[in-house]
Amino acid sequence: MADTNAEEFSEYVRAREVRYVRLAYLLCGNQADAEDLVQDVLMACYPKWRRITQNGDPDKYVRGAIVKRSRGLPRRAFRRKEALGSAVPDVADPELDVAEPVFRVMALQKLSHVARVVVVARVEAGLSWQEIGELVNYSPRQAQRIYNDALEELRSHLGGGG
């Protein structure tokens, strides 16, 4: 029985890990922190995997855990500037979403943590206003307001104007 549980969990992780790292990256703004965050969340989920799958939607649980745990990351991780090397790899890593423009991630980092969580939870994770409100401890209506304000701020950062 334990082997079946381990096998099921491994398949689940293989199918979704890249998507979860992308979600975490949008929250963290740093690939290494995103990978660490997802690994920590998945390691915490494994011992209770059977309960997670029996109690409902495991995707919802894992996405929520990623968003909640991202709150604990030091703010300096979002402000850290990374030096770009002159060497560019000849072949793109097939696991990376090269279509994700760096300037969008940089603009997300300028939002407050709550606003970033609301935007990423809505756009990337597809959570409902109720679920987002629960994540950030606001009402669904307040979460919508935060989202709308954050979109306006992102538009101004990205040059889309009002």
N, C-alpha and C. Protein backbone atom coordinates (compact mmCIF):
# COMPACT_ATOMS: atom_id res chain seq x y z
N MET A 1 0.82 -1.19 0.00
CA MET A 1 0.00 0.00 0.00
C MET A 1 0.87 1.25 0.00
N ALA A 2 1.94 1.24 0.78
CA ALA A 2 2.83 2.40 0.83
C ALA A 2 3.50 2.62 -0.52
N ASP A 3 3.83 1.51 -1.23
CA ASP A 3 4.44 1.66 -2.55
C ASP A 3 3.49 2.33 -3.53
N THR A 4 2.21 1.99 -3.43
CA THR A 4 1.22 2.61 -4.30
C THR A 4 1.11 4.10 -4.01
N ASN A 5 1.12 4.46 -2.75
CA ASN A 5 1.06 5.85 -2.35
C ASN A 5 2.28 6.62 -2.86
N ALA A 6 3.47 6.03 -2.71
CA ALA A 6 4.70 6.66 -3.18
C ALA A 6 4.69 6.81 -4.70
N GLU A 7 4.20 5.79 -5.38
CA GLU A 7 4.13 5.83 -6.84
C GLU A 7 3.16 6.93 -7.31
N GLU A 8 2.01 6.98 -6.67
CA GLU A 8 1.00 8.00 -7.01
C GLU A 8 1.55 9.40 -6.78
N PHE A 9 2.23 9.59 -5.65
CA PHE A 9 2.80 10.89 -5.33
C PHE A 9 3.88 11.26 -6.35
N SER A 10 4.74 10.32 -6.69
CA SER A 10 5.81 10.58 -7.67
C SER A 10 5.24 10.99 -9.01
N GLU A 11 4.20 10.30 -9.45
CA GLU A 11 3.56 10.65 -10.73
C GLU A 11 2.96 12.05 -10.66
N TYR A 12 2.32 12.35 -9.55
CA TYR A 12 1.72 13.66 -9.35
C TYR A 12 2.79 14.76 -9.45
N VAL A 13 3.90 14.56 -8.76
CA VAL A 13 4.98 15.55 -8.76
C VAL A 13 5.56 15.71 -10.16
N ARG A 14 5.83 14.60 -10.83
CA ARG A 14 6.39 14.68 -12.19
C ARG A 14 5.48 15.47 -13.12
N ALA A 15 4.18 15.29 -12.98
CA ALA A 15 3.23 15.94 -13.88
C ALA A 15 3.06 17.43 -13.60
N ARG A 16 3.36 17.87 -12.37
CA ARG A 16 3.02 19.25 -11.99
C ARG A 16 4.19 20.10 -11.49
N GLU A 17 5.32 19.51 -11.31
CA GLU A 17 6.43 20.23 -10.68
C GLU A 17 6.81 21.50 -11.43
N VAL A 18 6.90 21.45 -12.73
CA VAL A 18 7.30 22.63 -13.50
C VAL A 18 6.28 23.75 -13.31
N ARG A 19 5.00 23.40 -13.32
CA ARG A 19 3.94 24.40 -13.12
C ARG A 19 4.04 25.02 -11.73
N TYR A 20 4.33 24.19 -10.73
CA TYR A 20 4.44 24.71 -9.36
C TYR A 20 5.67 25.58 -9.19
N VAL A 21 6.77 25.22 -9.84
CA VAL A 21 7.97 26.06 -9.76
C VAL A 21 7.70 27.40 -10.43
N ARG A 22 6.97 27.39 -11.51
CA ARG A 22 6.62 28.66 -12.19
C ARG A 22 5.77 29.54 -11.27
N LEU A 23 4.80 28.93 -10.61
CA LEU A 23 3.96 29.67 -9.66
C LEU A 23 4.83 30.27 -8.56
N ALA A 24 5.71 29.46 -8.00
CA ALA A 24 6.59 29.93 -6.92
C ALA A 24 7.54 31.01 -7.42
N TYR A 25 8.02 30.87 -8.65
CA TYR A 25 8.92 31.88 -9.23
C TYR A 25 8.22 33.23 -9.33
N LEU A 26 6.96 33.21 -9.74
CA LEU A 26 6.22 34.47 -9.83
C LEU A 26 6.02 35.10 -8.46
N LEU A 27 5.94 34.27 -7.43
CA LEU A 27 5.82 34.79 -6.08
C LEU A 27 7.15 35.24 -5.51
N CYS A 28 8.22 34.50 -5.85
CA CYS A 28 9.55 34.77 -5.26
C CYS A 28 10.40 35.72 -6.09
N GLY A 29 10.31 35.61 -7.40
CA GLY A 29 11.16 36.40 -8.28
C GLY A 29 12.56 35.84 -8.41
N ASN A 30 12.76 34.62 -7.95
CA ASN A 30 14.09 34.01 -7.96
C ASN A 30 13.93 32.51 -8.19
N GLN A 31 14.60 31.98 -9.19
CA GLN A 31 14.45 30.57 -9.57
C GLN A 31 14.88 29.62 -8.44
N ALA A 32 16.01 29.89 -7.82
CA ALA A 32 16.50 29.00 -6.76
C ALA A 32 15.55 28.98 -5.57
N ASP A 33 15.06 30.15 -5.17
CA ASP A 33 14.10 30.21 -4.06
C ASP A 33 12.80 29.50 -4.43
N ALA A 34 12.39 29.64 -5.68
CA ALA A 34 11.16 28.98 -6.13
C ALA A 34 11.30 27.47 -6.07
N GLU A 35 12.41 26.96 -6.53
CA GLU A 35 12.65 25.51 -6.50
C GLU A 35 12.69 25.01 -5.06
N ASP A 36 13.36 25.75 -4.19
CA ASP A 36 13.43 25.37 -2.77
C ASP A 36 12.04 25.38 -2.14
N LEU A 37 11.27 26.40 -2.44
CA LEU A 37 9.93 26.53 -1.89
C LEU A 37 9.05 25.34 -2.30
N VAL A 38 9.07 25.01 -3.58
CA VAL A 38 8.26 23.88 -4.07
C VAL A 38 8.74 22.57 -3.44
N GLN A 39 10.04 22.39 -3.36
CA GLN A 39 10.56 21.17 -2.75
C GLN A 39 10.12 21.06 -1.29
N ASP A 40 10.20 22.15 -0.55
CA ASP A 40 9.77 22.14 0.86
C ASP A 40 8.29 21.80 0.98
N VAL A 41 7.47 22.39 0.14
CA VAL A 41 6.02 22.14 0.19
C VAL A 41 5.73 20.68 -0.15
N LEU A 42 6.35 20.18 -1.21
CA LEU A 42 6.09 18.79 -1.60
C LEU A 42 6.60 17.80 -0.56
N MET A 43 7.73 18.11 0.06
CA MET A 43 8.23 17.23 1.13
C MET A 43 7.26 17.22 2.31
N ALA A 44 6.66 18.36 2.60
CA ALA A 44 5.70 18.43 3.70
C ALA A 44 4.40 17.69 3.33
N CYS A 45 4.05 17.67 2.06
CA CYS A 45 2.83 17.01 1.62
C CYS A 45 2.96 15.48 1.60
N TYR A 46 4.12 14.98 1.33
CA TYR A 46 4.27 13.53 1.13
C TYR A 46 3.76 12.69 2.30
N PRO A 47 4.13 12.97 3.55
CA PRO A 47 3.65 12.11 4.64
C PRO A 47 2.13 12.10 4.80
N LYS A 48 1.47 13.15 4.38
CA LYS A 48 0.01 13.21 4.51
C LYS A 48 -0.70 13.14 3.16
N TRP A 49 -0.03 12.59 2.15
CA TRP A 49 -0.56 12.57 0.80
C TRP A 49 -1.90 11.84 0.70
N ARG A 50 -2.03 10.72 1.35
CA ARG A 50 -3.28 9.97 1.29
C ARG A 50 -4.44 10.83 1.80
N ARG A 51 -4.23 11.51 2.91
CA ARG A 51 -5.26 12.37 3.49
C ARG A 51 -5.58 13.54 2.55
N ILE A 52 -4.53 14.13 1.95
CA ILE A 52 -4.72 15.25 1.03
C ILE A 52 -5.59 14.84 -0.16
N THR A 53 -5.30 13.67 -0.73
CA THR A 53 -6.06 13.22 -1.90
C THR A 53 -7.47 12.78 -1.54
N GLN A 54 -7.65 12.26 -0.36
CA GLN A 54 -8.99 11.83 0.07
C GLN A 54 -9.88 13.00 0.44
N ASN A 55 -9.30 14.08 0.90
CA ASN A 55 -10.08 15.22 1.37
C ASN A 55 -10.44 16.22 0.29
N GLY A 56 -10.05 15.97 -0.93
CA GLY A 56 -10.43 16.93 -1.97
C GLY A 56 -9.37 17.07 -3.04
N ASP A 57 -9.27 18.27 -3.56
CA ASP A 57 -8.42 18.59 -4.70
C ASP A 57 -6.97 18.80 -4.26
N PRO A 58 -6.06 17.86 -4.58
CA PRO A 58 -4.67 18.02 -4.16
C PRO A 58 -3.99 19.24 -4.80
N ASP A 59 -4.39 19.60 -6.02
CA ASP A 59 -3.81 20.79 -6.66
C ASP A 59 -4.11 22.04 -5.84
N LYS A 60 -5.34 22.15 -5.41
CA LYS A 60 -5.74 23.30 -4.60
C LYS A 60 -4.92 23.35 -3.31
N TYR A 61 -4.74 22.20 -2.69
CA TYR A 61 -3.99 22.13 -1.44
C TYR A 61 -2.54 22.55 -1.66
N VAL A 62 -1.89 22.00 -2.69
CA VAL A 62 -0.47 22.30 -2.95
C VAL A 62 -0.29 23.75 -3.36
N ARG A 63 -1.15 24.26 -4.26
CA ARG A 63 -1.06 25.68 -4.64
C ARG A 63 -1.20 26.57 -3.42
N GLY A 64 -2.17 26.26 -2.58
CA GLY A 64 -2.37 27.05 -1.37
C GLY A 64 -1.16 27.00 -0.45
N ALA A 65 -0.57 25.82 -0.33
CA ALA A 65 0.61 25.68 0.52
C ALA A 65 1.79 26.48 -0.04
N ILE A 66 1.94 26.50 -1.35
CA ILE A 66 3.02 27.27 -1.97
C ILE A 66 2.81 28.76 -1.69
N VAL A 67 1.59 29.22 -1.89
CA VAL A 67 1.29 30.64 -1.66
C VAL A 67 1.51 30.99 -0.18
N LYS A 68 1.00 30.16 0.71
CA LYS A 68 1.14 30.45 2.14
C LYS A 68 2.60 30.43 2.57
N ARG A 69 3.35 29.46 2.10
CA ARG A 69 4.74 29.37 2.51
C ARG A 69 5.57 30.49 1.90
N SER A 70 5.14 31.03 0.77
CA SER A 70 5.89 32.14 0.16
C SER A 70 5.87 33.37 1.04
N ARG A 71 4.85 33.47 1.90
CA ARG A 71 4.78 34.60 2.84
C ARG A 71 5.96 34.62 3.79
N GLY A 72 6.50 33.46 4.09
CA GLY A 72 7.59 33.37 5.06
C GLY A 72 8.96 33.70 4.48
N LEU A 73 9.03 33.91 3.18
CA LEU A 73 10.33 34.22 2.58
C LEU A 73 10.76 35.63 2.96
N PRO A 74 12.03 35.80 3.20
CA PRO A 74 12.51 37.15 3.54
C PRO A 74 12.27 38.12 2.38
N ARG A 75 11.89 39.31 2.71
CA ARG A 75 11.62 40.33 1.70
C ARG A 75 12.86 40.62 0.85
N ARG A 76 14.03 40.47 1.44
CA ARG A 76 15.25 40.79 0.68
C ARG A 76 15.39 39.92 -0.57
N ALA A 77 14.79 38.75 -0.56
CA ALA A 77 14.86 37.89 -1.74
C ALA A 77 14.20 38.56 -2.94
N PHE A 78 13.19 39.38 -2.69
CA PHE A 78 12.51 40.06 -3.78
C PHE A 78 13.28 41.27 -4.27
N ARG A 79 14.13 41.81 -3.45
CA ARG A 79 14.88 43.01 -3.80
C ARG A 79 16.28 42.69 -4.35
N ARG A 80 16.69 41.44 -4.21
CA ARG A 80 18.04 41.05 -4.59
C ARG A 80 18.25 41.24 -6.09
N LYS A 81 19.34 41.83 -6.43
CA LYS A 81 19.71 42.00 -7.83
C LYS A 81 20.70 40.91 -8.18
N GLU A 82 20.47 40.26 -9.30
CA GLU A 82 21.36 39.20 -9.71
C GLU A 82 22.13 39.66 -10.94
N ALA A 83 23.42 39.40 -10.93
CA ALA A 83 24.25 39.78 -12.05
C ALA A 83 24.01 38.82 -13.21
N LEU A 84 23.89 39.39 -14.38
CA LEU A 84 23.72 38.57 -15.57
C LEU A 84 25.08 38.33 -16.18
N GLY A 85 25.37 37.09 -16.46
CA GLY A 85 26.65 36.75 -17.08
C GLY A 85 26.60 37.02 -18.57
N SER A 86 27.77 37.08 -19.18
CA SER A 86 27.81 37.33 -20.61
C SER A 86 27.58 36.05 -21.40
N ALA A 87 27.76 34.90 -20.74
CA ALA A 87 27.59 33.63 -21.43
C ALA A 87 26.11 33.27 -21.50
N VAL A 88 25.65 33.00 -22.71
CA VAL A 88 24.27 32.59 -22.91
C VAL A 88 24.31 31.14 -23.36
N PRO A 89 23.52 30.28 -22.76
CA PRO A 89 23.56 28.87 -23.16
C PRO A 89 23.14 28.70 -24.61
N ASP A 90 23.75 27.72 -25.29
CA ASP A 90 23.43 27.46 -26.69
C ASP A 90 22.04 26.86 -26.85
N VAL A 91 21.63 26.07 -25.85
CA VAL A 91 20.34 25.39 -25.92
C VAL A 91 19.51 25.78 -24.71
N ALA A 92 18.27 26.13 -24.94
CA ALA A 92 17.38 26.50 -23.84
C ALA A 92 17.00 25.26 -23.04
N ASP A 93 16.88 25.43 -21.77
CA ASP A 93 16.41 24.36 -20.90
C ASP A 93 14.95 24.10 -21.22
N PRO A 94 14.59 22.88 -21.65
CA PRO A 94 13.19 22.62 -22.03
C PRO A 94 12.22 22.75 -20.86
N GLU A 95 12.72 22.70 -19.64
CA GLU A 95 11.85 22.81 -18.47
C GLU A 95 11.47 24.26 -18.17
N LEU A 96 12.21 25.21 -18.70
CA LEU A 96 11.94 26.62 -18.41
C LEU A 96 10.91 27.16 -19.38
N ASP A 97 10.07 28.03 -18.87
CA ASP A 97 9.10 28.70 -19.71
C ASP A 97 9.75 29.98 -20.23
N VAL A 98 10.37 29.88 -21.40
CA VAL A 98 11.12 31.03 -21.93
C VAL A 98 10.19 32.14 -22.39
N ALA A 99 8.90 31.88 -22.48
CA ALA A 99 7.96 32.92 -22.89
C ALA A 99 7.63 33.88 -21.75
N GLU A 100 8.05 33.57 -20.53
CA GLU A 100 7.76 34.44 -19.39
C GLU A 100 8.69 35.64 -19.43
N PRO A 101 8.20 36.79 -19.82
CA PRO A 101 9.08 37.95 -19.92
C PRO A 101 9.62 38.37 -18.55
N VAL A 102 10.89 38.62 -18.52
CA VAL A 102 11.55 39.01 -17.28
C VAL A 102 10.95 40.30 -16.72
N PHE A 103 10.58 41.23 -17.60
CA PHE A 103 10.05 42.50 -17.11
C PHE A 103 8.73 42.32 -16.37
N ARG A 104 7.95 41.32 -16.70
CA ARG A 104 6.70 41.07 -15.97
C ARG A 104 7.00 40.57 -14.56
N VAL A 105 7.99 39.71 -14.46
CA VAL A 105 8.37 39.21 -13.14
C VAL A 105 8.92 40.35 -12.30
N MET A 106 9.71 41.21 -12.93
CA MET A 106 10.27 42.36 -12.20
C MET A 106 9.15 43.29 -11.74
N ALA A 107 8.14 43.50 -12.58
CA ALA A 107 7.02 44.35 -12.19
C ALA A 107 6.25 43.72 -11.04
N LEU A 108 6.06 42.41 -11.07
CA LEU A 108 5.37 41.73 -9.96
C LEU A 108 6.10 41.95 -8.64
N GLN A 109 7.43 41.98 -8.70
CA GLN A 109 8.22 42.15 -7.48
C GLN A 109 8.02 43.53 -6.86
N LYS A 110 7.55 44.49 -7.64
CA LYS A 110 7.33 45.84 -7.12
C LYS A 110 6.03 45.94 -6.33
N LEU A 111 5.17 44.94 -6.46
CA LEU A 111 3.92 44.92 -5.71
C LEU A 111 4.18 44.50 -4.27
N SER A 112 3.26 44.86 -3.38
CA SER A 112 3.35 44.34 -2.02
C SER A 112 3.17 42.83 -2.08
N HIS A 113 3.58 42.15 -1.03
CA HIS A 113 3.45 40.69 -1.03
C HIS A 113 1.99 40.26 -1.19
N VAL A 114 1.10 40.91 -0.48
CA VAL A 114 -0.33 40.54 -0.56
C VAL A 114 -0.84 40.74 -1.99
N ALA A 115 -0.51 41.87 -2.60
CA ALA A 115 -0.96 42.14 -3.96
C ALA A 115 -0.37 41.11 -4.93
N ARG A 116 0.90 40.77 -4.76
CA ARG A 116 1.55 39.78 -5.62
C ARG A 116 0.86 38.42 -5.47
N VAL A 117 0.55 38.04 -4.24
CA VAL A 117 -0.13 36.76 -4.00
C VAL A 117 -1.50 36.76 -4.66
N VAL A 118 -2.24 37.85 -4.52
CA VAL A 118 -3.58 37.93 -5.11
C VAL A 118 -3.50 37.80 -6.63
N VAL A 119 -2.60 38.54 -7.26
CA VAL A 119 -2.48 38.50 -8.72
C VAL A 119 -2.05 37.11 -9.19
N VAL A 120 -1.02 36.56 -8.58
CA VAL A 120 -0.52 35.25 -9.01
C VAL A 120 -1.55 34.16 -8.72
N ALA A 121 -2.21 34.23 -7.58
CA ALA A 121 -3.22 33.21 -7.25
C ALA A 121 -4.38 33.25 -8.23
N ARG A 122 -4.74 34.44 -8.67
CA ARG A 122 -5.87 34.56 -9.61
C ARG A 122 -5.46 34.20 -11.02
N VAL A 123 -4.36 34.79 -11.50
CA VAL A 123 -3.96 34.62 -12.89
C VAL A 123 -3.28 33.28 -13.14
N GLU A 124 -2.33 32.93 -12.32
CA GLU A 124 -1.53 31.73 -12.54
C GLU A 124 -2.21 30.48 -11.99
N ALA A 125 -2.71 30.57 -10.76
CA ALA A 125 -3.28 29.38 -10.13
C ALA A 125 -4.77 29.23 -10.40
N GLY A 126 -5.43 30.29 -10.87
CA GLY A 126 -6.84 30.21 -11.20
C GLY A 126 -7.76 30.03 -10.00
N LEU A 127 -7.34 30.54 -8.85
CA LEU A 127 -8.16 30.39 -7.65
C LEU A 127 -9.36 31.33 -7.68
N SER A 128 -10.41 30.93 -6.98
CA SER A 128 -11.60 31.77 -6.89
C SER A 128 -11.32 32.92 -5.92
N TRP A 129 -12.20 33.93 -5.94
CA TRP A 129 -12.03 35.06 -5.02
C TRP A 129 -12.15 34.59 -3.58
N GLN A 130 -13.01 33.62 -3.34
CA GLN A 130 -13.17 33.07 -2.00
C GLN A 130 -11.86 32.43 -1.53
N GLU A 131 -11.26 31.61 -2.38
CA GLU A 131 -10.00 30.94 -2.03
C GLU A 131 -8.88 31.95 -1.82
N ILE A 132 -8.83 32.96 -2.68
CA ILE A 132 -7.79 33.98 -2.54
C ILE A 132 -7.98 34.76 -1.24
N GLY A 133 -9.22 35.12 -0.96
CA GLY A 133 -9.51 35.82 0.29
C GLY A 133 -9.04 35.03 1.50
N GLU A 134 -9.27 33.72 1.49
CA GLU A 134 -8.82 32.87 2.59
C GLU A 134 -7.30 32.84 2.70
N LEU A 135 -6.62 32.85 1.55
CA LEU A 135 -5.15 32.82 1.56
C LEU A 135 -4.56 34.08 2.20
N VAL A 136 -5.16 35.22 1.91
CA VAL A 136 -4.58 36.49 2.37
C VAL A 136 -5.33 37.08 3.56
N ASN A 137 -6.29 36.34 4.07
CA ASN A 137 -7.08 36.77 5.23
C ASN A 137 -7.85 38.07 5.00
N TYR A 138 -8.46 38.16 3.83
CA TYR A 138 -9.33 39.27 3.47
C TYR A 138 -10.63 38.68 2.92
N SER A 139 -11.64 39.50 2.83
CA SER A 139 -12.89 39.04 2.22
C SER A 139 -12.66 38.90 0.71
N PRO A 140 -13.49 38.11 0.04
CA PRO A 140 -13.35 38.00 -1.42
C PRO A 140 -13.46 39.36 -2.12
N ARG A 141 -14.32 40.22 -1.63
CA ARG A 141 -14.47 41.56 -2.22
C ARG A 141 -13.20 42.39 -2.05
N GLN A 142 -12.58 42.31 -0.88
CA GLN A 142 -11.31 43.02 -0.65
C GLN A 142 -10.21 42.45 -1.55
N ALA A 143 -10.22 41.13 -1.72
CA ALA A 143 -9.22 40.50 -2.61
C ALA A 143 -9.38 41.02 -4.04
N GLN A 144 -10.63 41.19 -4.48
CA GLN A 144 -10.87 41.74 -5.82
C GLN A 144 -10.36 43.17 -5.93
N ARG A 145 -10.56 43.96 -4.89
CA ARG A 145 -10.07 45.34 -4.91
C ARG A 145 -8.54 45.37 -4.97
N ILE A 146 -7.92 44.53 -4.18
CA ILE A 146 -6.45 44.44 -4.19
C ILE A 146 -5.98 44.06 -5.59
N TYR A 147 -6.66 43.11 -6.20
CA TYR A 147 -6.33 42.64 -7.55
C TYR A 147 -6.44 43.78 -8.56
N ASN A 148 -7.55 44.49 -8.53
CA ASN A 148 -7.75 45.59 -9.47
C ASN A 148 -6.71 46.69 -9.27
N ASP A 149 -6.42 47.03 -8.03
CA ASP A 149 -5.38 48.04 -7.75
C ASP A 149 -4.02 47.56 -8.22
N ALA A 150 -3.74 46.28 -7.99
CA ALA A 150 -2.45 45.72 -8.41
C ALA A 150 -2.32 45.73 -9.93
N LEU A 151 -3.39 45.42 -10.63
CA LEU A 151 -3.34 45.46 -12.10
C LEU A 151 -3.05 46.87 -12.61
N GLU A 152 -3.65 47.86 -11.97
CA GLU A 152 -3.37 49.25 -12.35
C GLU A 152 -1.89 49.58 -12.12
N GLU A 153 -1.39 49.13 -10.98
CA GLU A 153 0.02 49.39 -10.67
C GLU A 153 0.93 48.66 -11.67
N LEU A 154 0.58 47.42 -12.02
CA LEU A 154 1.38 46.69 -13.00
C LEU A 154 1.35 47.38 -14.36
N ARG A 155 0.19 47.85 -14.76
CA ARG A 155 0.08 48.56 -16.03
C ARG A 155 1.00 49.78 -16.04
N SER A 156 1.07 50.50 -14.92
CA SER A 156 1.93 51.67 -14.90
C SER A 156 3.40 51.26 -14.94
N HIS A 157 3.75 50.16 -14.27
CA HIS A 157 5.15 49.69 -14.32
C HIS A 157 5.53 49.18 -15.69
N LEU A 158 4.56 48.58 -16.39
CA LEU A 158 4.83 48.00 -17.69
C LEU A 158 4.60 48.98 -18.84
N GLY A 159 4.22 50.22 -18.49
CA GLY A 159 4.07 51.24 -19.52
C GLY A 159 2.74 51.19 -20.24
N GLY A 160 1.75 50.45 -19.68
CA GLY A 160 0.46 50.33 -20.32
C GLY A 160 -0.48 51.46 -19.97
N GLY A 161 -0.08 52.30 -19.04
CA GLY A 161 -0.89 53.47 -18.68
C GLY A 161 -2.32 53.14 -18.30
N GLY A 162 -3.06 54.13 -17.77
CA GLY A 162 -4.38 53.91 -17.27
C GLY A 162 -5.42 54.00 -18.27
